[in-house]
């Protein structure tokens, strides 16, 4: 029997949620490896049963992996809609997040738990589900560990215990709103992909800060930070700019209004700063 390896989107709650959905099925029978855009493939990917969750490789790298392994890809990012069709087994859907798609695949007869529905709300930036933003941020204060997520699942399924997450989330959002306002207030202006954009250097509140700035005159915001030898970049836009296409140029991907990629920190940044303008 081929060894099962779960490769999932690292540093991402939706990606980890997808891995957790797989863990609920396979447990210790599988190996779980987080990967990022532009990461080289882990060693030893040959003659294995691979599941790519919420992320995949592209081009010749993916072609080689598919040729040498039994590959299933589960993803919801529009930037890989065509690429994942290379795999004999693939699941794509834009209406759900990667974690919910993974749950539906691995547990077809069970409704997605509230835990993943709240994670999905944050990933799709759709907070029509009551109190979804509050519960989402409370979830994100917990470590991405399978047993911890089991505990959260049990608690969030209970309406009374869920209230604790709502209360905690409201307090967190109050603080974060002030942080976002400060980050947006001090955003720089730069040139990237031949257009003027907002630029913020921050490791926190990337999505909210980007959304606030993208609603302003340049339609697009770039939020970046350095982690080790990598520069991690998040792009946010309004409906005027498809940032998934920009991210693809740098080996990343995502959605029309939310995308990202990573860069080698030893190389020059592909944007430049210009004089700050009045808000």
C-alpha atoms as a PDB file:
ATOM      1  CA  UNK A   1       0.000   0.000   0.000  1.00  0.00           C
ATOM      2  CA  UNK A   2       1.328   3.429  -0.956  1.00  0.00           C
ATOM      3  CA  UNK A   3       2.246   5.815   1.828  1.00  0.00           C
ATOM      4  CA  UNK A   4      -0.287   8.641   2.232  1.00  0.00           C
ATOM      5  CA  UNK A   5       1.082  12.187   2.363  1.00  0.00           C
ATOM      6  CA  UNK A   6      -1.080  15.252   2.941  1.00  0.00           C
ATOM      7  CA  UNK A   7       0.464  18.444   1.528  1.00  0.00           C
ATOM      8  CA  UNK A   8      -1.470  21.496   2.677  1.00  0.00           C
ATOM      9  CA  UNK A   9      -1.273  25.282   2.494  1.00  0.00           C
ATOM     10  CA  UNK A  10       1.010  26.309   5.354  1.00  0.00           C
ATOM     11  CA  UNK A  11       0.570  29.396   7.554  1.00  0.00           C
ATOM     12  CA  UNK A  12      -3.096  29.404   6.583  1.00  0.00           C
ATOM     13  CA  UNK A  13      -6.058  28.483   8.762  1.00  0.00           C
ATOM     14  CA  UNK A  14      -8.033  27.289   5.767  1.00  0.00           C
ATOM     15  CA  UNK A  15      -5.117  25.117   4.658  1.00  0.00           C
ATOM     16  CA  UNK A  16      -4.709  23.686   8.145  1.00  0.00           C
ATOM     17  CA  UNK A  17      -8.462  23.138   8.367  1.00  0.00           C
ATOM     18  CA  UNK A  18      -8.209  21.048   5.201  1.00  0.00           C
ATOM     19  CA  UNK A  19      -5.360  19.049   6.750  1.00  0.00           C
ATOM     20  CA  UNK A  20      -7.439  18.573   9.915  1.00  0.00           C
ATOM     21  CA  UNK A  21     -10.311  17.230   7.784  1.00  0.00           C
ATOM     22  CA  UNK A  22      -7.854  14.709   6.299  1.00  0.00           C
ATOM     23  CA  UNK A  23      -6.489  13.851   9.760  1.00  0.00           C
ATOM     24  CA  UNK A  24     -10.028  13.099  10.937  1.00  0.00           C
ATOM     25  CA  UNK A  25     -10.057  10.385   8.272  1.00  0.00           C
ATOM     26  CA  UNK A  26      -6.491   9.065   8.191  1.00  0.00           C
ATOM     27  CA  UNK A  27      -5.055   9.983  11.597  1.00  0.00           C
ATOM     28  CA  UNK A  28      -1.544   8.608  12.084  1.00  0.00           C
ATOM     29  CA  UNK A  29      -1.790   6.581   8.876  1.00  0.00           C
ATOM     30  CA  UNK A  30      -0.751   9.667   6.896  1.00  0.00           C
ATOM     31  CA  UNK A  31       2.081  12.198   7.006  1.00  0.00           C
ATOM     32  CA  UNK A  32       1.150  15.894   7.052  1.00  0.00           C
ATOM     33  CA  UNK A  33       3.421  18.487   5.421  1.00  0.00           C
ATOM     34  CA  UNK A  34       2.700  22.235   5.177  1.00  0.00           C
ATOM     35  CA  UNK A  35       3.980  23.895   2.002  1.00  0.00           C
ATOM     36  CA  UNK A  36       4.089  27.465   0.710  1.00  0.00           C
ATOM     37  CA  UNK A  37       4.020  28.957  -2.773  1.00  0.00           C
ATOM     38  CA  UNK A  38       7.468  28.724  -4.388  1.00  0.00           C
ATOM     39  CA  UNK A  39       8.632  26.097  -1.882  1.00  0.00           C
ATOM     40  CA  UNK A  40      10.551  23.252  -3.527  1.00  0.00           C
ATOM     41  CA  UNK A  41       8.729  19.916  -3.290  1.00  0.00           C
ATOM     42  CA  UNK A  42       9.583  17.846  -0.214  1.00  0.00           C
ATOM     43  CA  UNK A  43      12.053  15.042  -0.833  1.00  0.00           C
ATOM     44  CA  UNK A  44      10.813  11.513  -1.363  1.00  0.00           C
ATOM     45  CA  UNK A  45       7.662  12.261  -3.361  1.00  0.00           C
ATOM     46  CA  UNK A  46       7.704   9.142  -5.471  1.00  0.00           C
ATOM     47  CA  UNK A  47       5.319   6.196  -5.570  1.00  0.00           C
ATOM     48  CA  UNK A  48       3.145   7.831  -2.907  1.00  0.00           C
ATOM     49  CA  UNK A  49      -0.552   8.631  -2.523  1.00  0.00           C
ATOM     50  CA  UNK A  50      -0.555  12.440  -2.368  1.00  0.00           C
ATOM     51  CA  UNK A  51      -3.308  14.857  -1.447  1.00  0.00           C
ATOM     52  CA  UNK A  52      -2.720  18.538  -2.201  1.00  0.00           C
ATOM     53  CA  UNK A  53      -5.090  20.600  -0.072  1.00  0.00           C
ATOM     54  CA  UNK A  54      -5.716  24.312  -0.693  1.00  0.00           C
ATOM     55  CA  UNK A  55      -2.434  24.591  -2.602  1.00  0.00           C
ATOM     56  CA  UNK A  56      -0.614  22.866  -5.443  1.00  0.00           C
ATOM     57  CA  UNK A  57       2.541  23.036  -7.496  1.00  0.00           C
ATOM     58  CA  UNK A  58       2.421  24.125 -11.115  1.00  0.00           C
ATOM     59  CA  UNK A  59       3.968  23.504 -14.502  1.00  0.00           C
ATOM     60  CA  UNK A  60       6.707  20.935 -14.941  1.00  0.00           C
ATOM     61  CA  UNK A  61       7.017  20.366 -11.186  1.00  0.00           C
ATOM     62  CA  UNK A  62       3.387  19.284 -10.969  1.00  0.00           C
ATOM     63  CA  UNK A  63       3.698  17.228 -14.173  1.00  0.00           C
ATOM     64  CA  UNK A  64       6.580  15.236 -12.668  1.00  0.00           C
ATOM     65  CA  UNK A  65       4.784  14.709  -9.358  1.00  0.00           C
ATOM     66  CA  UNK A  66       1.645  13.453 -11.107  1.00  0.00           C
ATOM     67  CA  UNK A  67       3.698  11.090 -13.288  1.00  0.00           C
ATOM     68  CA  UNK A  68       5.423   9.516 -10.272  1.00  0.00           C
ATOM     69  CA  UNK A  69       2.555   9.415  -7.765  1.00  0.00           C
ATOM     70  CA  UNK A  70      -1.154   8.886  -7.202  1.00  0.00           C
ATOM     71  CA  UNK A  71      -2.275  12.514  -6.896  1.00  0.00           C
ATOM     72  CA  UNK A  72      -5.489  14.159  -5.712  1.00  0.00           C
ATOM     73  CA  UNK A  73      -5.796  17.959  -5.668  1.00  0.00           C
ATOM     74  CA  UNK A  74      -8.499  19.809  -3.731  1.00  0.00           C
ATOM     75  CA  UNK A  75      -8.477  23.573  -4.240  1.00  0.00           C
ATOM     76  CA  UNK A  76     -10.693  26.625  -4.624  1.00  0.00           C
ATOM     77  CA  UNK A  77      -8.273  29.268  -5.913  1.00  0.00           C
ATOM     78  CA  UNK A  78      -9.196  30.578  -9.348  1.00  0.00           C
ATOM     79  CA  UNK A  79      -5.496  30.896 -10.222  1.00  0.00           C
ATOM     80  CA  UNK A  80      -5.137  27.081 -10.348  1.00  0.00           C
ATOM     81  CA  UNK A  81      -8.523  26.232 -11.842  1.00  0.00           C
ATOM     82  CA  UNK A  82      -7.005  24.885 -15.049  1.00  0.00           C
ATOM     83  CA  UNK A  83      -3.756  23.577 -13.565  1.00  0.00           C
ATOM     84  CA  UNK A  84      -5.393  21.083 -11.218  1.00  0.00           C
ATOM     85  CA  UNK A  85      -7.175  19.407 -14.120  1.00  0.00           C
ATOM     86  CA  UNK A  86      -3.857  17.697 -14.865  1.00  0.00           C
ATOM     87  CA  UNK A  87      -4.438  15.419 -11.879  1.00  0.00           C
ATOM     88  CA  UNK A  88      -6.630  12.362 -12.539  1.00  0.00           C
ATOM     89  CA  UNK A  89      -8.395  13.118  -9.248  1.00  0.00           C
ATOM     90  CA  UNK A  90      -9.225  16.718  -8.507  1.00  0.00           C
ATOM     91  CA  UNK A  91     -11.908  18.785  -6.812  1.00  0.00           C
ATOM     92  CA  UNK A  92     -12.477  22.461  -7.548  1.00  0.00           C
ATOM     93  CA  UNK A  93     -15.106  24.839  -6.256  1.00  0.00           C
ATOM     94  CA  UNK A  94     -15.162  28.601  -5.823  1.00  0.00           C
ATOM     95  CA  UNK A  95     -18.195  28.719  -3.525  1.00  0.00           C
ATOM     96  CA  UNK A  96     -16.407  26.919  -0.701  1.00  0.00           C
ATOM     97  CA  UNK A  97     -13.032  27.268   0.966  1.00  0.00           C
ATOM     98  CA  UNK A  98     -10.340  24.616   0.782  1.00  0.00           C
ATOM     99  CA  UNK A  99     -11.114  23.264   4.246  1.00  0.00           C
ATOM    100  CA  UNK A 100     -14.805  22.752   3.535  1.00  0.00           C
ATOM    101  CA  UNK A 101     -14.066  21.182   0.149  1.00  0.00           C
ATOM    102  CA  UNK A 102     -11.643  18.808   1.884  1.00  0.00           C
ATOM    103  CA  UNK A 103     -14.246  17.925   4.513  1.00  0.00           C
ATOM    104  CA  UNK A 104     -16.824  17.217   1.816  1.00  0.00           C
ATOM    105  CA  UNK A 105     -14.317  14.970   0.049  1.00  0.00           C
ATOM    106  CA  UNK A 106     -13.079  13.001   3.052  1.00  0.00           C
ATOM    107  CA  UNK A 107     -16.433  12.913   4.889  1.00  0.00           C
ATOM    108  CA  UNK A 108     -19.096  12.948   2.159  1.00  0.00           C
ATOM    109  CA  UNK A 109     -21.916  11.852   4.440  1.00  0.00           C
ATOM    110  CA  UNK A 110     -21.248  14.366   7.217  1.00  0.00           C
ATOM    111  CA  UNK A 111     -22.111  18.055   7.206  1.00  0.00           C
ATOM    112  CA  UNK A 112     -19.118  20.368   7.557  1.00  0.00           C
ATOM    113  CA  UNK A 113     -18.659  21.285  11.242  1.00  0.00           C
ATOM    114  CA  UNK A 114     -19.219  24.830  12.469  1.00  0.00           C
ATOM    115  CA  UNK A 115     -15.485  25.132  13.057  1.00  0.00           C
ATOM    116  CA  UNK A 116     -14.762  24.888   9.340  1.00  0.00           C
ATOM    117  CA  UNK A 117     -17.761  26.990   8.374  1.00  0.00           C
ATOM    118  CA  UNK A 118     -16.310  29.843  10.425  1.00  0.00           C
ATOM    119  CA  UNK A 119     -12.839  29.278   8.968  1.00  0.00           C
ATOM    120  CA  UNK A 120     -14.425  29.381   5.521  1.00  0.00           C
ATOM    121  CA  UNK A 121     -16.127  32.695   6.318  1.00  0.00           C
ATOM    122  CA  UNK A 122     -12.757  34.257   7.068  1.00  0.00           C
ATOM    123  CA  UNK A 123     -11.024  32.749   4.049  1.00  0.00           C
ATOM    124  CA  UNK A 124     -13.737  33.851   1.611  1.00  0.00           C
ATOM    125  CA  UNK A 125     -14.182  37.136   3.511  1.00  0.00           C
ATOM    126  CA  UNK A 126     -17.929  36.476   3.657  1.00  0.00           C
ATOM    127  CA  UNK A 127     -19.336  37.205   7.096  1.00  0.00           C
ATOM    128  CA  UNK A 128     -23.017  36.711   6.304  1.00  0.00           C
ATOM    129  CA  UNK A 129     -23.057  33.871   8.837  1.00  0.00           C
ATOM    130  CA  UNK A 130     -24.050  35.466  12.187  1.00  0.00           C
ATOM    131  CA  UNK A 131     -21.065  36.280  14.430  1.00  0.00           C
ATOM    132  CA  UNK A 132     -18.741  34.594  11.941  1.00  0.00           C
ATOM    133  CA  UNK A 133     -16.086  37.309  12.111  1.00  0.00           C
ATOM    134  CA  UNK A 134     -16.000  37.196  15.897  1.00  0.00           C
ATOM    135  CA  UNK A 135     -15.723  33.414  16.055  1.00  0.00           C
ATOM    136  CA  UNK A 136     -13.192  33.388  13.222  1.00  0.00           C
ATOM    137  CA  UNK A 137     -10.731  35.644  15.032  1.00  0.00           C
ATOM    138  CA  UNK A 138     -11.181  33.702  18.271  1.00  0.00           C
ATOM    139  CA  UNK A 139     -10.336  30.491  16.405  1.00  0.00           C
ATOM    140  CA  UNK A 140      -7.169  32.103  15.069  1.00  0.00           C
ATOM    141  CA  UNK A 141      -5.836  32.677  18.600  1.00  0.00           C
ATOM    142  CA  UNK A 142      -5.490  28.896  18.987  1.00  0.00           C
ATOM    143  CA  UNK A 143      -2.482  26.934  17.724  1.00  0.00           C
ATOM    144  CA  UNK A 144      -2.797  24.966  14.509  1.00  0.00           C
ATOM    145  CA  UNK A 145      -2.641  21.535  16.144  1.00  0.00           C
ATOM    146  CA  UNK A 146      -5.001  18.679  15.306  1.00  0.00           C
ATOM    147  CA  UNK A 147      -5.985  17.820  18.894  1.00  0.00           C
ATOM    148  CA  UNK A 148      -6.559  21.487  19.714  1.00  0.00           C
ATOM    149  CA  UNK A 149      -8.870  21.737  16.746  1.00  0.00           C
ATOM    150  CA  UNK A 150     -10.755  18.673  17.921  1.00  0.00           C
ATOM    151  CA  UNK A 151     -11.413  20.501  21.194  1.00  0.00           C
ATOM    152  CA  UNK A 152     -12.527  23.628  19.355  1.00  0.00           C
ATOM    153  CA  UNK A 153     -14.866  21.603  17.171  1.00  0.00           C
ATOM    154  CA  UNK A 154     -16.578  20.153  20.234  1.00  0.00           C
ATOM    155  CA  UNK A 155     -16.901  23.557  21.892  1.00  0.00           C
ATOM    156  CA  UNK A 156     -18.129  25.449  18.842  1.00  0.00           C
ATOM    157  CA  UNK A 157     -20.762  22.816  18.067  1.00  0.00           C
ATOM    158  CA  UNK A 158     -22.270  23.673  21.480  1.00  0.00           C
ATOM    159  CA  UNK A 159     -24.299  26.936  21.150  1.00  0.00           C
ATOM    160  CA  UNK A 160     -23.617  27.913  24.773  1.00  0.00           C
ATOM    161  CA  UNK A 161     -19.860  27.370  24.575  1.00  0.00           C
ATOM    162  CA  UNK A 162     -19.815  29.112  21.194  1.00  0.00           C
ATOM    163  CA  UNK A 163     -20.850  32.306  22.985  1.00  0.00           C
ATOM    164  CA  UNK A 164     -17.456  32.347  24.688  1.00  0.00           C
ATOM    165  CA  UNK A 165     -15.798  32.531  21.261  1.00  0.00           C
ATOM    166  CA  UNK A 166     -18.141  35.354  20.229  1.00  0.00           C
ATOM    167  CA  UNK A 167     -17.338  37.395  23.342  1.00  0.00           C
ATOM    168  CA  UNK A 168     -13.607  36.802  22.936  1.00  0.00           C
ATOM    169  CA  UNK A 169     -13.773  37.670  19.244  1.00  0.00           C
ATOM    170  CA  UNK A 170     -15.561  40.971  19.855  1.00  0.00           C
ATOM    171  CA  UNK A 171     -12.796  42.092  22.200  1.00  0.00           C
ATOM    172  CA  UNK A 172     -10.122  41.064  19.707  1.00  0.00           C
ATOM    173  CA  UNK A 173     -11.843  42.891  16.835  1.00  0.00           C
ATOM    174  CA  UNK A 174     -12.101  46.106  18.842  1.00  0.00           C
ATOM    175  CA  UNK A 175      -8.337  46.086  19.326  1.00  0.00           C
ATOM    176  CA  UNK A 176      -7.605  45.006  15.766  1.00  0.00           C
ATOM    177  CA  UNK A 177      -9.753  47.756  14.261  1.00  0.00           C
ATOM    178  CA  UNK A 178      -7.558  50.359  15.925  1.00  0.00           C
ATOM    179  CA  UNK A 179      -4.446  48.540  14.692  1.00  0.00           C
ATOM    180  CA  UNK A 180      -5.801  48.385  11.128  1.00  0.00           C
ATOM    181  CA  UNK A 181      -6.642  52.090  11.161  1.00  0.00           C
ATOM    182  CA  UNK A 182      -3.101  52.905  12.272  1.00  0.00           C
ATOM    183  CA  UNK A 183      -1.531  50.677   9.618  1.00  0.00           C
ATOM    184  CA  UNK A 184      -3.726  52.149   6.885  1.00  0.00           C
ATOM    185  CA  UNK A 185      -3.014  55.678   8.090  1.00  0.00           C
ATOM    186  CA  UNK A 186       0.731  55.109   7.717  1.00  0.00           C
ATOM    187  CA  UNK A 187       0.657  53.181   4.446  1.00  0.00           C
ATOM    188  CA  UNK A 188       3.257  54.057   1.834  1.00  0.00           C
ATOM    189  CA  UNK A 189       2.667  54.625  -1.863  1.00  0.00           C
ATOM    190  CA  UNK A 190       4.641  52.624  -4.384  1.00  0.00           C
ATOM    191  CA  UNK A 191       4.861  51.388  -7.956  1.00  0.00           C
ATOM    192  CA  UNK A 192       4.298  47.683  -8.613  1.00  0.00           C
ATOM    193  CA  UNK A 193       3.223  45.898 -11.781  1.00  0.00           C
ATOM    194  CA  UNK A 194       3.283  49.267 -13.565  1.00  0.00           C
ATOM    195  CA  UNK A 195       0.646  50.800 -11.289  1.00  0.00           C
ATOM    196  CA  UNK A 196       0.427  52.890  -8.153  1.00  0.00           C
ATOM    197  CA  UNK A 197      -0.429  50.892  -5.049  1.00  0.00           C
ATOM    198  CA  UNK A 198      -0.578  51.136  -1.275  1.00  0.00           C
ATOM    199  CA  UNK A 199       2.262  49.331   0.533  1.00  0.00           C
ATOM    200  CA  UNK A 200       2.325  48.238   4.171  1.00  0.00           C
ATOM    201  CA  UNK A 201       5.019  46.283   5.981  1.00  0.00           C
ATOM    202  CA  UNK A 202       3.163  44.187   8.561  1.00  0.00           C
ATOM    203  CA  UNK A 203       2.902  40.607   9.778  1.00  0.00           C
ATOM    204  CA  UNK A 204      -0.571  41.154  11.240  1.00  0.00           C
ATOM    205  CA  UNK A 205      -3.998  42.254  10.023  1.00  0.00           C
ATOM    206  CA  UNK A 206      -3.006  41.750   6.411  1.00  0.00           C
ATOM    207  CA  UNK A 207      -6.459  41.002   5.007  1.00  0.00           C
ATOM    208  CA  UNK A 208      -8.357  43.745   6.819  1.00  0.00           C
ATOM    209  CA  UNK A 209      -5.673  46.376   6.221  1.00  0.00           C
ATOM    210  CA  UNK A 210      -5.496  45.425   2.557  1.00  0.00           C
ATOM    211  CA  UNK A 211      -9.262  45.589   2.183  1.00  0.00           C
ATOM    212  CA  UNK A 212      -9.428  49.022   3.816  1.00  0.00           C
ATOM    213  CA  UNK A 213      -6.707  50.421   1.557  1.00  0.00           C
ATOM    214  CA  UNK A 214      -7.967  48.735  -1.620  1.00  0.00           C
ATOM    215  CA  UNK A 215     -11.234  50.599  -1.196  1.00  0.00           C
ATOM    216  CA  UNK A 216      -9.293  53.844  -1.605  1.00  0.00           C
ATOM    217  CA  UNK A 217      -8.091  55.454  -4.828  1.00  0.00           C
ATOM    218  CA  UNK A 218      -5.439  52.969  -6.073  1.00  0.00           C
ATOM    219  CA  UNK A 219      -7.720  49.882  -5.955  1.00  0.00           C
ATOM    220  CA  UNK A 220      -4.876  47.630  -4.761  1.00  0.00           C
ATOM    221  CA  UNK A 221      -2.790  47.151  -1.617  1.00  0.00           C
ATOM    222  CA  UNK A 222       0.372  45.124  -1.011  1.00  0.00           C
ATOM    223  CA  UNK A 223       1.143  43.946   2.528  1.00  0.00           C
ATOM    224  CA  UNK A 224       4.470  42.259   3.107  1.00  0.00           C
ATOM    225  CA  UNK A 225       6.774  40.987   5.825  1.00  0.00           C
ATOM    226  CA  UNK A 226      10.001  39.029   6.060  1.00  0.00           C
ATOM    227  CA  UNK A 227      10.120  35.559   7.609  1.00  0.00           C
ATOM    228  CA  UNK A 228      13.609  34.032   7.576  1.00  0.00           C
ATOM    229  CA  UNK A 229      14.897  34.069   4.013  1.00  0.00           C
ATOM    230  CA  UNK A 230      11.481  34.741   2.507  1.00  0.00           C
ATOM    231  CA  UNK A 231       9.376  37.808   1.801  1.00  0.00           C
ATOM    232  CA  UNK A 232       5.703  36.963   2.165  1.00  0.00           C
ATOM    233  CA  UNK A 233       3.399  39.149   0.119  1.00  0.00           C
ATOM    234  CA  UNK A 234      -0.371  39.549   0.309  1.00  0.00           C
ATOM    235  CA  UNK A 235      -2.312  41.428  -2.357  1.00  0.00           C
ATOM    236  CA  UNK A 236      -5.811  42.833  -1.882  1.00  0.00           C
ATOM    237  CA  UNK A 237      -7.960  44.721  -4.358  1.00  0.00           C
ATOM    238  CA  UNK A 238     -11.436  45.935  -5.080  1.00  0.00           C
ATOM    239  CA  UNK A 239     -13.331  44.669  -8.115  1.00  0.00           C
ATOM    240  CA  UNK A 240     -11.213  46.762 -10.517  1.00  0.00           C
ATOM    241  CA  UNK A 241      -8.036  44.621 -10.328  1.00  0.00           C
ATOM    242  CA  UNK A 242      -7.554  40.843 -10.538  1.00  0.00           C
ATOM    243  CA  UNK A 243      -4.641  40.323  -8.162  1.00  0.00           C
ATOM    244  CA  UNK A 244      -4.568  36.549  -8.745  1.00  0.00           C
ATOM    245  CA  UNK A 245      -3.090  37.235 -12.180  1.00  0.00           C
ATOM    246  CA  UNK A 246      -0.416  39.464 -10.662  1.00  0.00           C
ATOM    247  CA  UNK A 247       0.444  36.855  -8.014  1.00  0.00           C
ATOM    248  CA  UNK A 248       0.826  34.173 -10.685  1.00  0.00           C
ATOM    249  CA  UNK A 249       3.644  36.187 -12.267  1.00  0.00           C
ATOM    250  CA  UNK A 250       5.623  35.588  -9.066  1.00  0.00           C
ATOM    251  CA  UNK A 251       4.743  31.932  -8.585  1.00  0.00           C
ATOM    252  CA  UNK A 252       1.790  32.544  -6.285  1.00  0.00           C
ATOM    253  CA  UNK A 253      -1.954  32.556  -6.715  1.00  0.00           C
ATOM    254  CA  UNK A 254      -5.286  33.147  -5.066  1.00  0.00           C
ATOM    255  CA  UNK A 255      -8.529  34.875  -5.911  1.00  0.00           C
ATOM    256  CA  UNK A 256      -9.485  37.955  -7.908  1.00  0.00           C
ATOM    257  CA  UNK A 257      -9.504  40.245  -4.869  1.00  0.00           C
ATOM    258  CA  UNK A 258      -7.133  38.345  -2.541  1.00  0.00           C
ATOM    259  CA  UNK A 259      -3.894  36.647  -3.529  1.00  0.00           C
ATOM    260  CA  UNK A 260      -0.334  36.129  -2.405  1.00  0.00           C
ATOM    261  CA  UNK A 261       3.171  34.937  -3.213  1.00  0.00           C
ATOM    262  CA  UNK A 262       6.594  34.547  -1.633  1.00  0.00           C
ATOM    263  CA  UNK A 263       9.949  35.996  -2.716  1.00  0.00           C
ATOM    264  CA  UNK A 264      13.581  35.254  -2.041  1.00  0.00           C
ATOM    265  CA  UNK A 265      14.643  37.830   0.560  1.00  0.00           C
ATOM    266  CA  UNK A 266      18.156  38.020  -0.906  1.00  0.00           C
ATOM    267  CA  UNK A 267      16.851  39.492  -4.159  1.00  0.00           C
ATOM    268  CA  UNK A 268      15.614  43.042  -4.895  1.00  0.00           C
ATOM    269  CA  UNK A 269      11.949  43.731  -4.212  1.00  0.00           C
ATOM    270  CA  UNK A 270       9.796  44.043  -7.358  1.00  0.00           C
ATOM    271  CA  UNK A 271       8.243  47.312  -6.166  1.00  0.00           C
ATOM    272  CA  UNK A 272       9.578  50.762  -5.418  1.00  0.00           C
ATOM    273  CA  UNK A 273       8.406  53.481  -3.091  1.00  0.00           C
ATOM    274  CA  UNK A 274       7.316  56.946  -4.192  1.00  0.00           C
ATOM    275  CA  UNK A 275       6.343  60.068  -2.323  1.00  0.00           C
ATOM    276  CA  UNK A 276       3.541  59.501   0.161  1.00  0.00           C
ATOM    277  CA  UNK A 277       0.260  61.098  -0.853  1.00  0.00           C
ATOM    278  CA  UNK A 278      -2.512  62.536   1.254  1.00  0.00           C
ATOM    279  CA  UNK A 279      -5.275  60.095   2.159  1.00  0.00           C
END
